[in-house]
Amino acid sequence: MEFLSDIDGKEYSSKKTFPPGKWYFYEQILQVPVYIIFDPDGGLVEFHQLENGRYELKQPDENGRNWIDSMGLFLGTWQGTKEGRTGYWLRWWDKEGNLLPWAVERLEQESQRAEQERLRAEQESLRAERLSAYLKSQGIDPDNLPE
């Protein structure tokens, strides 16, 4: 996976003379099965798959994502803000199309879940206290109820 940063276009170089261009190196020397080029400024993702010794450009699905069979995941772009940067980001989706959260998003979700659980436990405790007070007001000792 390559994130474009070279404004001269050298990252697409397929020249075969030394030093070889990245494209040629990945395709012919390393024979990387999937080569992804991402331009974070414009959100462009190129998905190339090695077929018969050459990279073939693959088109994304209707959601703008490409399936990576060896990983069992979709890869596509997401637009939003992360780490103080607003723009395009590469994101992963599972087979059902669910966006996989970043670690920081997972931590936020867990924190929210823990807070909801804390509030629920607090409400249960208050409810138990009210019930205990009611039973006592009716002359019933809630700690000595028959089983």
N, C-alpha and C. Protein backbone atom coordinates (compact mmCIF):
# COMPACT_ATOMS: atom_id res chain seq x y z
N MET A 1 0.86 -1.15 0.00
CA MET A 1 0.00 0.00 0.00
C MET A 1 0.90 1.22 0.00
N GLU A 2 0.62 2.11 -0.88
CA GLU A 2 1.47 3.29 -1.01
C GLU A 2 0.63 4.55 -0.91
N PHE A 3 1.09 5.47 -0.07
CA PHE A 3 0.45 6.77 0.07
C PHE A 3 1.25 7.77 -0.74
N LEU A 4 0.61 8.38 -1.73
CA LEU A 4 1.32 9.32 -2.59
C LEU A 4 1.71 10.57 -1.83
N SER A 5 2.94 10.98 -2.06
CA SER A 5 3.42 12.21 -1.47
C SER A 5 4.30 12.97 -2.44
N ASP A 6 4.75 12.31 -3.49
CA ASP A 6 5.66 12.91 -4.47
C ASP A 6 4.85 13.66 -5.52
N ILE A 7 5.01 14.97 -5.56
CA ILE A 7 4.22 15.76 -6.51
C ILE A 7 4.76 15.69 -7.93
N ASP A 8 5.95 15.12 -8.11
CA ASP A 8 6.52 15.01 -9.46
C ASP A 8 6.03 13.78 -10.21
N GLY A 9 5.25 12.94 -9.56
CA GLY A 9 4.72 11.75 -10.22
C GLY A 9 5.71 10.61 -10.31
N LYS A 10 6.83 10.68 -9.62
CA LYS A 10 7.84 9.63 -9.70
C LYS A 10 7.37 8.33 -9.05
N GLU A 11 6.37 8.40 -8.21
CA GLU A 11 5.93 7.20 -7.52
C GLU A 11 5.26 6.21 -8.47
N TYR A 12 4.84 6.68 -9.62
CA TYR A 12 4.25 5.79 -10.61
C TYR A 12 5.30 5.21 -11.55
N SER A 13 6.54 5.54 -11.33
CA SER A 13 7.60 5.17 -12.26
C SER A 13 7.69 3.67 -12.48
N SER A 14 7.64 3.29 -13.74
CA SER A 14 7.78 1.87 -14.08
C SER A 14 9.10 1.62 -14.81
N LYS A 15 10.05 2.57 -14.69
CA LYS A 15 11.31 2.42 -15.44
C LYS A 15 12.06 1.19 -14.96
N LYS A 16 12.71 0.54 -15.90
CA LYS A 16 13.37 -0.73 -15.62
C LYS A 16 14.86 -0.58 -15.36
N THR A 17 15.42 0.59 -15.66
CA THR A 17 16.84 0.81 -15.42
C THR A 17 17.06 1.12 -13.94
N PHE A 18 18.29 0.96 -13.50
CA PHE A 18 18.61 1.20 -12.09
C PHE A 18 18.58 2.68 -11.77
N PRO A 19 18.02 3.13 -10.68
CA PRO A 19 17.19 2.31 -9.80
C PRO A 19 15.79 2.16 -10.41
N PRO A 20 15.23 0.97 -10.30
CA PRO A 20 13.91 0.76 -10.91
C PRO A 20 12.85 1.59 -10.19
N GLY A 21 11.79 1.92 -10.94
CA GLY A 21 10.67 2.62 -10.34
C GLY A 21 9.92 1.70 -9.39
N LYS A 22 9.15 2.30 -8.50
CA LYS A 22 8.42 1.50 -7.51
C LYS A 22 7.46 0.51 -8.17
N TRP A 23 6.74 1.00 -9.17
CA TRP A 23 5.77 0.14 -9.85
C TRP A 23 6.47 -1.11 -10.39
N TYR A 24 7.55 -0.90 -11.13
CA TYR A 24 8.30 -2.01 -11.71
C TYR A 24 8.83 -2.92 -10.60
N PHE A 25 9.37 -2.34 -9.55
CA PHE A 25 9.94 -3.11 -8.46
C PHE A 25 8.89 -4.01 -7.81
N TYR A 26 7.71 -3.45 -7.52
CA TYR A 26 6.64 -4.23 -6.89
C TYR A 26 6.07 -5.29 -7.83
N GLU A 27 5.90 -4.92 -9.09
CA GLU A 27 5.28 -5.82 -10.06
C GLU A 27 6.22 -6.92 -10.53
N GLN A 28 7.43 -6.55 -10.93
CA GLN A 28 8.32 -7.50 -11.58
C GLN A 28 9.34 -8.17 -10.66
N ILE A 29 9.79 -7.45 -9.65
CA ILE A 29 10.82 -8.01 -8.78
C ILE A 29 10.20 -8.69 -7.57
N LEU A 30 9.42 -7.95 -6.79
CA LEU A 30 8.79 -8.54 -5.61
C LEU A 30 7.54 -9.34 -5.94
N GLN A 31 6.88 -9.00 -7.01
CA GLN A 31 5.62 -9.61 -7.45
C GLN A 31 4.58 -9.58 -6.32
N VAL A 32 4.40 -8.38 -5.79
CA VAL A 32 3.41 -8.16 -4.74
C VAL A 32 2.03 -8.39 -5.35
N PRO A 33 1.21 -9.30 -4.77
CA PRO A 33 -0.06 -9.66 -5.39
C PRO A 33 -1.08 -8.52 -5.49
N VAL A 34 -1.08 -7.61 -4.52
CA VAL A 34 -2.01 -6.48 -4.55
C VAL A 34 -1.21 -5.22 -4.28
N TYR A 35 -1.36 -4.25 -5.15
CA TYR A 35 -0.65 -2.98 -5.03
C TYR A 35 -1.70 -1.87 -5.01
N ILE A 36 -1.73 -1.16 -3.90
CA ILE A 36 -2.74 -0.11 -3.71
C ILE A 36 -2.03 1.22 -3.64
N ILE A 37 -2.52 2.17 -4.41
CA ILE A 37 -1.96 3.52 -4.41
C ILE A 37 -3.07 4.45 -3.92
N PHE A 38 -2.75 5.24 -2.92
CA PHE A 38 -3.73 6.13 -2.30
C PHE A 38 -3.22 7.55 -2.30
N ASP A 39 -4.06 8.45 -2.79
CA ASP A 39 -3.75 9.88 -2.75
C ASP A 39 -4.62 10.49 -1.66
N PRO A 40 -4.05 10.75 -0.47
CA PRO A 40 -4.86 11.27 0.64
C PRO A 40 -5.42 12.67 0.38
N ASP A 41 -4.81 13.43 -0.50
CA ASP A 41 -5.32 14.77 -0.78
C ASP A 41 -6.60 14.75 -1.60
N GLY A 42 -6.66 13.86 -2.59
CA GLY A 42 -7.84 13.81 -3.46
C GLY A 42 -8.75 12.63 -3.20
N GLY A 43 -8.32 11.69 -2.35
CA GLY A 43 -9.14 10.54 -2.03
C GLY A 43 -9.10 9.43 -3.07
N LEU A 44 -8.23 9.55 -4.07
CA LEU A 44 -8.15 8.54 -5.13
C LEU A 44 -7.47 7.28 -4.61
N VAL A 45 -8.09 6.13 -4.87
CA VAL A 45 -7.51 4.84 -4.54
C VAL A 45 -7.43 4.04 -5.83
N GLU A 46 -6.24 3.56 -6.13
CA GLU A 46 -6.06 2.65 -7.26
C GLU A 46 -5.73 1.29 -6.70
N PHE A 47 -6.47 0.30 -7.12
CA PHE A 47 -6.33 -1.06 -6.64
C PHE A 47 -5.85 -1.91 -7.81
N HIS A 48 -4.62 -2.39 -7.71
CA HIS A 48 -4.03 -3.18 -8.78
C HIS A 48 -3.76 -4.59 -8.27
N GLN A 49 -4.13 -5.57 -9.10
CA GLN A 49 -3.93 -6.96 -8.74
C GLN A 49 -3.03 -7.60 -9.78
N LEU A 50 -2.05 -8.37 -9.30
CA LEU A 50 -1.10 -9.04 -10.18
C LEU A 50 -1.79 -10.20 -10.89
N GLU A 51 -1.84 -10.13 -12.21
CA GLU A 51 -2.43 -11.19 -13.02
C GLU A 51 -1.52 -11.44 -14.21
N ASN A 52 -1.08 -12.67 -14.34
CA ASN A 52 -0.17 -13.06 -15.42
C ASN A 52 1.08 -12.17 -15.45
N GLY A 53 1.61 -11.86 -14.27
CA GLY A 53 2.85 -11.11 -14.18
C GLY A 53 2.72 -9.61 -14.39
N ARG A 54 1.49 -9.10 -14.53
CA ARG A 54 1.29 -7.66 -14.75
C ARG A 54 0.18 -7.18 -13.82
N TYR A 55 0.28 -5.92 -13.42
CA TYR A 55 -0.77 -5.35 -12.60
C TYR A 55 -1.96 -4.96 -13.46
N GLU A 56 -3.13 -5.37 -12.99
CA GLU A 56 -4.39 -5.01 -13.64
C GLU A 56 -5.16 -4.12 -12.68
N LEU A 57 -5.63 -2.98 -13.18
CA LEU A 57 -6.44 -2.07 -12.38
C LEU A 57 -7.82 -2.68 -12.17
N LYS A 58 -8.25 -2.76 -10.92
CA LYS A 58 -9.55 -3.32 -10.59
C LYS A 58 -10.48 -2.18 -10.17
N GLN A 59 -11.71 -2.28 -10.61
CA GLN A 59 -12.70 -1.26 -10.28
C GLN A 59 -13.34 -1.56 -8.93
N PRO A 60 -13.65 -0.54 -8.16
CA PRO A 60 -14.30 -0.77 -6.87
C PRO A 60 -15.75 -1.19 -7.05
N ASP A 61 -16.35 -1.68 -5.98
CA ASP A 61 -17.76 -2.05 -6.01
C ASP A 61 -18.63 -0.80 -5.96
N GLU A 62 -19.94 -0.99 -5.84
CA GLU A 62 -20.88 0.14 -5.86
C GLU A 62 -20.69 1.07 -4.66
N ASN A 63 -20.00 0.60 -3.62
CA ASN A 63 -19.73 1.44 -2.45
C ASN A 63 -18.36 2.11 -2.52
N GLY A 64 -17.67 1.91 -3.63
CA GLY A 64 -16.35 2.51 -3.79
C GLY A 64 -15.25 1.76 -3.05
N ARG A 65 -15.48 0.47 -2.80
CA ARG A 65 -14.52 -0.33 -2.06
C ARG A 65 -14.03 -1.51 -2.89
N ASN A 66 -12.84 -1.98 -2.56
CA ASN A 66 -12.28 -3.16 -3.21
C ASN A 66 -12.15 -4.27 -2.19
N TRP A 67 -12.51 -5.47 -2.61
CA TRP A 67 -12.42 -6.65 -1.75
C TRP A 67 -11.00 -7.21 -1.84
N ILE A 68 -10.39 -7.45 -0.68
CA ILE A 68 -9.07 -8.09 -0.63
C ILE A 68 -9.30 -9.48 -0.07
N ASP A 69 -9.35 -10.44 -0.97
CA ASP A 69 -9.72 -11.81 -0.61
C ASP A 69 -8.81 -12.39 0.45
N SER A 70 -7.50 -12.17 0.31
CA SER A 70 -6.54 -12.76 1.25
C SER A 70 -6.73 -12.24 2.67
N MET A 71 -7.34 -11.08 2.83
CA MET A 71 -7.58 -10.50 4.15
C MET A 71 -9.03 -10.68 4.60
N GLY A 72 -9.90 -10.97 3.66
CA GLY A 72 -11.32 -11.09 4.00
C GLY A 72 -11.93 -9.76 4.39
N LEU A 73 -11.45 -8.67 3.77
CA LEU A 73 -11.91 -7.32 4.09
C LEU A 73 -12.03 -6.47 2.84
N PHE A 74 -12.88 -5.45 2.95
CA PHE A 74 -12.97 -4.43 1.92
C PHE A 74 -12.06 -3.27 2.33
N LEU A 75 -11.49 -2.61 1.33
CA LEU A 75 -10.71 -1.40 1.57
C LEU A 75 -11.32 -0.28 0.74
N GLY A 76 -11.50 0.87 1.37
CA GLY A 76 -12.05 2.02 0.65
C GLY A 76 -11.69 3.30 1.37
N THR A 77 -12.26 4.39 0.91
CA THR A 77 -11.97 5.67 1.54
C THR A 77 -13.12 6.10 2.42
N TRP A 78 -12.77 6.88 3.40
CA TRP A 78 -13.71 7.47 4.34
C TRP A 78 -13.31 8.92 4.47
N GLN A 79 -14.27 9.80 4.50
CA GLN A 79 -13.97 11.22 4.62
C GLN A 79 -14.41 11.70 5.99
N GLY A 80 -13.47 12.34 6.68
CA GLY A 80 -13.78 12.82 8.02
C GLY A 80 -12.55 13.41 8.68
N THR A 81 -12.66 13.61 9.98
CA THR A 81 -11.57 14.21 10.75
C THR A 81 -10.99 13.20 11.71
N LYS A 82 -9.68 13.10 11.69
CA LYS A 82 -8.94 12.22 12.60
C LYS A 82 -7.60 12.88 12.86
N GLU A 83 -7.21 12.89 14.13
CA GLU A 83 -5.91 13.43 14.53
C GLU A 83 -5.69 14.85 14.01
N GLY A 84 -6.76 15.64 14.04
CA GLY A 84 -6.66 17.04 13.63
C GLY A 84 -6.60 17.27 12.14
N ARG A 85 -6.73 16.23 11.35
CA ARG A 85 -6.71 16.36 9.89
C ARG A 85 -8.06 15.97 9.32
N THR A 86 -8.65 16.86 8.54
CA THR A 86 -9.90 16.57 7.86
C THR A 86 -9.58 16.25 6.41
N GLY A 87 -10.10 15.15 5.94
CA GLY A 87 -9.84 14.76 4.55
C GLY A 87 -10.22 13.31 4.33
N TYR A 88 -9.51 12.70 3.40
CA TYR A 88 -9.76 11.30 3.04
C TYR A 88 -8.83 10.39 3.82
N TRP A 89 -9.38 9.26 4.23
CA TRP A 89 -8.62 8.26 4.96
C TRP A 89 -8.95 6.89 4.38
N LEU A 90 -7.99 5.99 4.40
CA LEU A 90 -8.27 4.61 4.03
C LEU A 90 -8.90 3.92 5.23
N ARG A 91 -9.94 3.15 4.97
CA ARG A 91 -10.64 2.43 6.05
C ARG A 91 -10.94 1.01 5.58
N TRP A 92 -11.15 0.15 6.56
CA TRP A 92 -11.49 -1.25 6.31
C TRP A 92 -12.95 -1.51 6.68
N TRP A 93 -13.59 -2.39 5.91
CA TRP A 93 -14.95 -2.84 6.17
C TRP A 93 -14.95 -4.37 6.15
N ASP A 94 -15.80 -4.97 6.96
CA ASP A 94 -15.89 -6.43 6.95
C ASP A 94 -16.76 -6.89 5.80
N LYS A 95 -16.92 -8.19 5.70
CA LYS A 95 -17.67 -8.81 4.59
C LYS A 95 -19.11 -8.32 4.52
N GLU A 96 -19.70 -8.00 5.70
CA GLU A 96 -21.09 -7.53 5.75
C GLU A 96 -21.19 -6.02 5.49
N GLY A 97 -20.07 -5.37 5.28
CA GLY A 97 -20.09 -3.94 5.00
C GLY A 97 -20.01 -3.06 6.23
N ASN A 98 -19.67 -3.63 7.39
CA ASN A 98 -19.54 -2.85 8.62
C ASN A 98 -18.16 -2.21 8.69
N LEU A 99 -18.15 -0.92 8.93
CA LEU A 99 -16.90 -0.19 9.07
C LEU A 99 -16.17 -0.67 10.32
N LEU A 100 -14.91 -1.02 10.17
CA LEU A 100 -14.12 -1.46 11.32
C LEU A 100 -13.54 -0.23 12.01
N PRO A 101 -13.73 -0.14 13.31
CA PRO A 101 -13.27 1.05 14.02
C PRO A 101 -11.75 1.07 14.19
N TRP A 102 -11.22 2.30 14.22
CA TRP A 102 -9.82 2.48 14.59
C TRP A 102 -9.71 2.18 16.08
N ALA A 103 -8.50 1.99 16.56
CA ALA A 103 -8.29 1.69 17.98
C ALA A 103 -8.88 2.79 18.86
N VAL A 104 -8.68 4.04 18.48
CA VAL A 104 -9.20 5.15 19.29
C VAL A 104 -10.73 5.15 19.29
N GLU A 105 -11.34 4.78 18.18
CA GLU A 105 -12.80 4.67 18.13
C GLU A 105 -13.29 3.53 19.00
N ARG A 106 -12.55 2.43 18.99
CA ARG A 106 -12.92 1.29 19.83
C ARG A 106 -12.83 1.67 21.31
N LEU A 107 -11.80 2.42 21.68
CA LEU A 107 -11.66 2.87 23.06
C LEU A 107 -12.82 3.80 23.45
N GLU A 108 -13.20 4.69 22.54
CA GLU A 108 -14.33 5.59 22.80
C GLU A 108 -15.61 4.79 22.98
N GLN A 109 -15.83 3.79 22.13
CA GLN A 109 -17.01 2.95 22.24
C GLN A 109 -17.04 2.20 23.56
N GLU A 110 -15.89 1.66 23.96
CA GLU A 110 -15.80 0.94 25.23
C GLU A 110 -16.04 1.87 26.41
N SER A 111 -15.52 3.08 26.32
CA SER A 111 -15.72 4.07 27.38
C SER A 111 -17.20 4.42 27.50
N GLN A 112 -17.87 4.62 26.36
CA GLN A 112 -19.30 4.92 26.37
C GLN A 112 -20.11 3.76 26.94
N ARG A 113 -19.73 2.54 26.54
CA ARG A 113 -20.41 1.35 27.04
C ARG A 113 -20.25 1.22 28.56
N ALA A 114 -19.02 1.47 29.05
CA ALA A 114 -18.76 1.40 30.49
C ALA A 114 -19.56 2.46 31.25
N GLU A 115 -19.65 3.65 30.67
CA GLU A 115 -20.43 4.73 31.32
C GLU A 115 -21.91 4.37 31.36
N GLN A 116 -22.43 3.80 30.28
CA GLN A 116 -23.83 3.38 30.25
C GLN A 116 -24.08 2.28 31.29
N GLU A 117 -23.14 1.36 31.42
CA GLU A 117 -23.28 0.29 32.40
C GLU A 117 -23.23 0.85 33.82
N ARG A 118 -22.36 1.83 34.06
CA ARG A 118 -22.27 2.46 35.37
C ARG A 118 -23.59 3.15 35.72
N LEU A 119 -24.17 3.87 34.75
CA LEU A 119 -25.45 4.55 34.97
C LEU A 119 -26.57 3.55 35.23
N ARG A 120 -26.56 2.45 34.49
CA ARG A 120 -27.58 1.41 34.69
C ARG A 120 -27.46 0.81 36.09
N ALA A 121 -26.24 0.53 36.53
CA ALA A 121 -26.03 -0.04 37.86
C ALA A 121 -26.46 0.96 38.94
N GLU A 122 -26.20 2.24 38.70
CA GLU A 122 -26.60 3.28 39.65
C GLU A 122 -28.13 3.35 39.75
N GLN A 123 -28.81 3.25 38.61
CA GLN A 123 -30.27 3.27 38.60
C GLN A 123 -30.83 2.05 39.33
N GLU A 124 -30.21 0.89 39.13
CA GLU A 124 -30.65 -0.34 39.82
C GLU A 124 -30.48 -0.18 41.32
N SER A 125 -29.37 0.39 41.72
CA SER A 125 -29.11 0.59 43.16
C SER A 125 -30.15 1.54 43.76
N LEU A 126 -30.46 2.63 43.06
CA LEU A 126 -31.49 3.57 43.55
C LEU A 126 -32.85 2.90 43.64
N ARG A 127 -33.17 2.08 42.64
CA ARG A 127 -34.45 1.37 42.63
C ARG A 127 -34.51 0.41 43.82
N ALA A 128 -33.42 -0.29 44.10
CA ALA A 128 -33.38 -1.22 45.23
C ALA A 128 -33.52 -0.47 46.55
N GLU A 129 -32.89 0.70 46.65
CA GLU A 129 -33.01 1.51 47.87
C GLU A 129 -34.45 1.98 48.08
N ARG A 130 -35.10 2.41 47.00
CA ARG A 130 -36.50 2.86 47.11
C ARG A 130 -37.42 1.71 47.51
N LEU A 131 -37.18 0.55 46.92
CA LEU A 131 -37.99 -0.62 47.25
C LEU A 131 -37.78 -1.00 48.72
N SER A 132 -36.54 -0.97 49.16
CA SER A 132 -36.24 -1.29 50.55
C SER A 132 -36.93 -0.30 51.49
N ALA A 133 -36.88 0.99 51.17
CA ALA A 133 -37.52 2.01 52.00
C ALA A 133 -39.04 1.81 52.01
N TYR A 134 -39.62 1.45 50.88
CA TYR A 134 -41.07 1.22 50.82
C TYR A 134 -41.45 0.02 51.69
N LEU A 135 -40.68 -1.07 51.55
CA LEU A 135 -41.00 -2.25 52.35
C LEU A 135 -40.90 -1.94 53.85
N LYS A 136 -39.89 -1.19 54.25
CA LYS A 136 -39.74 -0.81 55.66
C LYS A 136 -40.91 0.04 56.12
N SER A 137 -41.39 0.94 55.22
CA SER A 137 -42.53 1.79 55.58
C SER A 137 -43.80 0.97 55.75
N GLN A 138 -43.84 -0.22 55.19
CA GLN A 138 -44.98 -1.12 55.31
C GLN A 138 -44.79 -2.14 56.44
N GLY A 139 -43.72 -1.96 57.20
CA GLY A 139 -43.46 -2.85 58.32
C GLY A 139 -42.80 -4.15 57.92
N ILE A 140 -42.22 -4.21 56.77
CA ILE A 140 -41.56 -5.43 56.29
C ILE A 140 -40.06 -5.20 56.29
N ASP A 141 -39.32 -6.15 56.89
CA ASP A 141 -37.86 -6.05 56.90
C ASP A 141 -37.34 -6.70 55.61
N PRO A 142 -36.82 -5.91 54.68
CA PRO A 142 -36.39 -6.47 53.39
C PRO A 142 -35.21 -7.43 53.52
N ASP A 143 -34.49 -7.38 54.66
CA ASP A 143 -33.34 -8.28 54.84
C ASP A 143 -33.77 -9.63 55.41
N ASN A 144 -35.03 -9.76 55.80
CA ASN A 144 -35.50 -11.02 56.37
C ASN A 144 -36.77 -11.49 55.67
N LEU A 145 -36.76 -11.49 54.37
CA LEU A 145 -37.91 -11.97 53.60
C LEU A 145 -37.85 -13.49 53.49
N PRO A 146 -39.01 -14.14 53.53
CA PRO A 146 -39.01 -15.61 53.37
C PRO A 146 -38.61 -15.96 51.94
N GLU A 147 -37.95 -17.07 51.81
CA GLU A 147 -37.51 -17.50 50.47
C GLU A 147 -38.48 -18.39 49.81
